[in-house]
Amino acid sequence: MCQKVHEKQKAKPPPLGYRSIRSFQLRKLGSAL
């Protein structure tokens, strides 16, 4: 599951933007848990 998520992130990086960065950080924390 983790590998798939990483692949998705690599293939589709988050667009530049405060909201996007914030959501990306939250996603990173969620995957880390």
C-alpha atoms as a PDB file:
ATOM      1  CA  MET A   1       0.000   0.000   0.000  1.00  0.00           C
ATOM      2  CA  CYS A   2       2.765   2.432   0.975  1.00  0.00           C
ATOM      3  CA  GLN A   3       4.624   1.738  -2.260  1.00  0.00           C
ATOM      4  CA  LYS A   4       1.522   2.554  -4.327  1.00  0.00           C
ATOM      5  CA  VAL A   5       1.061   5.835  -2.453  1.00  0.00           C
ATOM      6  CA  HIS A   6       4.711   6.777  -3.006  1.00  0.00           C
ATOM      7  CA  GLU A   7       4.423   5.971  -6.707  1.00  0.00           C
ATOM      8  CA  LYS A   8       1.315   8.139  -6.964  1.00  0.00           C
ATOM      9  CA  GLN A   9       3.066  11.047  -5.231  1.00  0.00           C
ATOM     10  CA  LYS A  10       6.079  10.694  -7.540  1.00  0.00           C
ATOM     11  CA  ALA A  11       3.924  10.543 -10.667  1.00  0.00           C
ATOM     12  CA  LYS A  12       1.669  13.405  -9.563  1.00  0.00           C
ATOM     13  CA  PRO A  13       3.469  15.969  -7.354  1.00  0.00           C
ATOM     14  CA  PRO A  14       1.272  18.431  -5.423  1.00  0.00           C
ATOM     15  CA  PRO A  15       0.689  21.784  -7.177  1.00  0.00           C
ATOM     16  CA  LEU A  16       2.345  24.839  -5.653  1.00  0.00           C
ATOM     17  CA  GLY A  17       0.050  26.570  -3.203  1.00  0.00           C
ATOM     18  CA  TYR A  18      -0.378  27.064   0.530  1.00  0.00           C
ATOM     19  CA  ARG A  19      -3.489  24.869   0.658  1.00  0.00           C
ATOM     20  CA  SER A  20      -1.892  22.176  -1.504  1.00  0.00           C
ATOM     21  CA  ILE A  21       1.278  22.138   0.604  1.00  0.00           C
ATOM     22  CA  ARG A  22      -0.792  21.921   3.772  1.00  0.00           C
ATOM     23  CA  SER A  23      -2.868  19.008   2.467  1.00  0.00           C
ATOM     24  CA  PHE A  24       0.323  17.318   1.217  1.00  0.00           C
ATOM     25  CA  GLN A  25       1.900  17.629   4.687  1.00  0.00           C
ATOM     26  CA  LEU A  26      -1.229  16.184   6.288  1.00  0.00           C
ATOM     27  CA  ARG A  27      -1.143  13.281   3.826  1.00  0.00           C
ATOM     28  CA  LYS A  28       2.534  12.680   4.614  1.00  0.00           C
ATOM     29  CA  LEU A  29       1.739  12.577   8.341  1.00  0.00           C
ATOM     30  CA  GLY A  30      -1.157  10.197   7.716  1.00  0.00           C
ATOM     31  CA  SER A  31       1.018   7.830   5.679  1.00  0.00           C
ATOM     32  CA  ALA A  32       3.763   8.028   8.325  1.00  0.00           C
ATOM     33  CA  LEU A  33       1.372   6.881  11.055  1.00  0.00           C
END
